[in-house]
C-alpha atoms as a PDB file:
ATOM      1  CA  MET A   1      76.301-103.017  45.786  1.00  0.00           C
ATOM      2  CA  ALA A   2      73.484-105.269  45.660  1.00  0.00           C
ATOM      3  CA  ARG A   3      73.814-108.443  47.902  1.00  0.00           C
ATOM      4  CA  GLU A   4      73.778-111.880  45.960  1.00  0.00           C
ATOM      5  CA  ARG A   5      70.470-113.738  46.604  1.00  0.00           C
ATOM      6  CA  ILE A   6      70.633-116.832  48.719  1.00  0.00           C
ATOM      7  CA  ARG A   7      70.666-120.168  46.768  1.00  0.00           C
ATOM      8  CA  TRP A   8      68.873-122.104  49.235  1.00  0.00           C
ATOM      9  CA  PRO A   9      69.032-125.497  47.814  1.00  0.00           C
ATOM     10  CA  LEU A  10      72.932-125.173  47.768  1.00  0.00           C
ATOM     11  CA  VAL A  11      72.961-123.813  51.550  1.00  0.00           C
ATOM     12  CA  VAL A  12      71.060-126.893  52.515  1.00  0.00           C
ATOM     13  CA  GLU A  13      73.337-129.248  50.691  1.00  0.00           C
ATOM     14  CA  ARG A  14      76.257-127.475  52.414  1.00  0.00           C
ATOM     15  CA  ALA A  15      74.491-127.715  55.765  1.00  0.00           C
ATOM     16  CA  ARG A  16      73.904-131.600  55.074  1.00  0.00           C
ATOM     17  CA  GLN A  17      77.522-131.953  54.515  1.00  0.00           C
ATOM     18  CA  ILE A  18      78.583-130.135  57.754  1.00  0.00           C
ATOM     19  CA  VAL A  19      76.041-132.234  59.820  1.00  0.00           C
ATOM     20  CA  GLU A  20      77.303-135.697  58.282  1.00  0.00           C
ATOM     21  CA  GLY A  21      80.842-134.331  58.718  1.00  0.00           C
ATOM     22  CA  TYR A  22      80.226-134.519  62.516  1.00  0.00           C
ATOM     23  CA  ALA A  23      78.773-138.238  62.441  1.00  0.00           C
ATOM     24  CA  PRO A  24      78.184-140.259  64.655  1.00  0.00           C
ATOM     25  CA  LEU A  25      77.982-137.005  66.998  1.00  0.00           C
ATOM     26  CA  LYS A  26      75.005-134.623  66.187  1.00  0.00           C
ATOM     27  CA  VAL A  27      75.061-130.775  66.014  1.00  0.00           C
ATOM     28  CA  THR A  28      72.781-127.994  66.866  1.00  0.00           C
ATOM     29  CA  LEU A  29      71.356-125.571  64.356  1.00  0.00           C
ATOM     30  CA  ARG A  30      73.536-122.769  65.953  1.00  0.00           C
ATOM     31  CA  GLN A  31      76.679-124.964  65.214  1.00  0.00           C
ATOM     32  CA  VAL A  32      75.550-125.135  61.665  1.00  0.00           C
ATOM     33  CA  MET A  33      74.954-121.541  61.445  1.00  0.00           C
ATOM     34  CA  TYR A  34      78.497-120.804  62.910  1.00  0.00           C
ATOM     35  CA  ARG A  35      80.010-122.736  60.280  1.00  0.00           C
ATOM     36  CA  LEU A  36      78.091-121.564  57.310  1.00  0.00           C
ATOM     37  CA  ALA A  37      78.854-118.081  58.426  1.00  0.00           C
ATOM     38  CA  ALA A  38      82.684-118.912  59.068  1.00  0.00           C
ATOM     39  CA  GLU A  39      82.723-120.324  55.444  1.00  0.00           C
ATOM     40  CA  GLY A  40      80.807-116.949  54.205  1.00  0.00           C
ATOM     41  CA  VAL A  41      77.717-118.949  52.773  1.00  0.00           C
ATOM     42  CA  LEU A  42      75.314-116.903  54.828  1.00  0.00           C
ATOM     43  CA  PRO A  43      75.705-113.571  56.694  1.00  0.00           C
ATOM     44  CA  HIS A  44      75.567-113.860  60.531  1.00  0.00           C
ATOM     45  CA  THR A  45      72.254-112.353  61.294  1.00  0.00           C
ATOM     46  CA  PRO A  46      69.048-113.321  63.274  1.00  0.00           C
ATOM     47  CA  PRO A  47      66.987-112.999  60.284  1.00  0.00           C
ATOM     48  CA  MET A  48      69.352-115.317  58.371  1.00  0.00           C
ATOM     49  CA  TYR A  49      69.190-117.585  61.390  1.00  0.00           C
ATOM     50  CA  ARG A  50      65.302-117.995  61.322  1.00  0.00           C
ATOM     51  CA  ARG A  51      65.404-118.219  57.558  1.00  0.00           C
ATOM     52  CA  LEU A  52      68.126-121.244  57.887  1.00  0.00           C
ATOM     53  CA  SER A  53      66.103-122.745  60.629  1.00  0.00           C
ATOM     54  CA  ALA A  54      62.922-122.790  58.385  1.00  0.00           C
ATOM     55  CA  GLN A  55      65.047-124.269  55.352  1.00  0.00           C
ATOM     56  CA  LEU A  56      66.445-127.033  57.280  1.00  0.00           C
ATOM     57  CA  ALA A  57      63.289-127.822  59.103  1.00  0.00           C
ATOM     58  CA  GLN A  58      61.505-128.176  55.776  1.00  0.00           C
ATOM     59  CA  ALA A  59      64.165-130.454  54.685  1.00  0.00           C
ATOM     60  CA  ARG A  60      63.843-132.535  57.695  1.00  0.00           C
ATOM     61  CA  ARG A  61      60.217-133.030  57.142  1.00  0.00           C
ATOM     62  CA  GLU A  62      60.711-133.828  53.552  1.00  0.00           C
ATOM     63  CA  GLY A  63      63.537-136.565  54.475  1.00  0.00           C
ATOM     64  CA  ARG A  64      66.470-134.551  52.813  1.00  0.00           C
ATOM     65  CA  PHE A  65      68.143-133.532  55.903  1.00  0.00           C
ATOM     66  CA  PRO A  66      69.551-135.328  59.238  1.00  0.00           C
ATOM     67  CA  ASP A  67      68.130-134.635  62.479  1.00  0.00           C
ATOM     68  CA  LEU A  68      69.742-131.918  64.620  1.00  0.00           C
ATOM     69  CA  ILE A  69      70.048-131.612  68.393  1.00  0.00           C
ATOM     70  CA  ASP A  70      67.313-129.779  69.764  1.00  0.00           C
ATOM     71  CA  THR A  71      68.444-128.271  73.110  1.00  0.00           C
ATOM     72  CA  MET A  72      65.082-126.745  74.147  1.00  0.00           C
ATOM     73  CA  ARG A  73      62.926-129.871  72.935  1.00  0.00           C
ATOM     74  CA  GLU A  74      65.028-132.837  74.138  1.00  0.00           C
ATOM     75  CA  LEU A  75      67.508-133.655  76.540  1.00  0.00           C
ATOM     76  CA  HIS A  76      70.996-134.432  74.905  1.00  0.00           C
ATOM     77  CA  VAL A  77      72.786-137.112  76.494  1.00  0.00           C
ATOM     78  CA  PRO A  78      76.474-137.839  75.669  1.00  0.00           C
ATOM     79  CA  PRO A  79      77.265-141.314  74.847  1.00  0.00           C
ATOM     80  CA  ALA A  80      78.111-143.786  77.417  1.00  0.00           C
ATOM     81  CA  TRP A  81      79.097-147.242  77.168  1.00  0.00           C
ATOM     82  CA  PRO A  82      78.235-150.330  79.703  1.00  0.00           C
ATOM     83  CA  ASP A  83      82.109-151.254  80.006  1.00  0.00           C
ATOM     84  CA  ALA A  84      85.747-150.587  78.582  1.00  0.00           C
ATOM     85  CA  ASP A  85      85.173-153.730  75.998  1.00  0.00           C
ATOM     86  CA  ALA A  86      81.909-152.038  74.369  1.00  0.00           C
ATOM     87  CA  PHE A  87      83.813-148.537  74.197  1.00  0.00           C
ATOM     88  CA  VAL A  88      86.733-150.148  72.550  1.00  0.00           C
ATOM     89  CA  ARG A  89      84.331-152.001  69.641  1.00  0.00           C
ATOM     90  CA  GLU A  90      82.773-148.616  69.036  1.00  0.00           C
ATOM     91  CA  MET A  91      85.735-146.305  68.879  1.00  0.00           C
ATOM     92  CA  PRO A  92      87.135-147.139  65.478  1.00  0.00           C
ATOM     93  CA  ALA A  93      83.790-145.497  63.987  1.00  0.00           C
ATOM     94  CA  TRP A  94      84.626-142.204  65.839  1.00  0.00           C
ATOM     95  CA  PHE A  95      88.048-141.996  64.492  1.00  0.00           C
ATOM     96  CA  ARG A  96      88.640-138.480  62.954  1.00  0.00           C
ATOM     97  CA  LEU A  97      91.867-136.596  61.914  1.00  0.00           C
ATOM     98  CA  ASP A  98      92.314-133.222  63.230  1.00  0.00           C
ATOM     99  CA  ARG A  99      90.902-130.910  60.299  1.00  0.00           C
ATOM    100  CA  THR A 100      92.926-127.893  61.626  1.00  0.00           C
ATOM    101  CA  VAL A 101      96.416-129.296  61.408  1.00  0.00           C
ATOM    102  CA  GLY A 102      98.618-126.960  59.568  1.00  0.00           C
ATOM    103  CA  GLN A 103      96.209-124.012  59.829  1.00  0.00           C
ATOM    104  CA  GLU A 104      97.931-120.748  60.777  1.00  0.00           C
ATOM    105  CA  HIS A 105      94.788-119.153  62.310  1.00  0.00           C
ATOM    106  CA  THR A 106      91.955-120.671  64.505  1.00  0.00           C
ATOM    107  CA  LEU A 107      88.536-119.095  64.355  1.00  0.00           C
END
């Protein structure tokens, strides 16, 4: 059985949706790859990971893809607030519903 050809514009678009779904948090390329593999969009192999990296890097250079966390090149610092009032003012933007509610299985 021949493998289906990867449609990279669709993969990049789905990856963008995944990254934006975590906003305001940022994610790594590895997190995006795991999500795409879990959805069956890409096979989970080292060559596919490298190809995804190249595709997303190109899309970022062209302004078509948000930034990812690069743990090898930058220090990622979790968010912090100067006081509780500042934290409370920002929290409404962080609200998310649990996407796993009602799922029988967890990946």
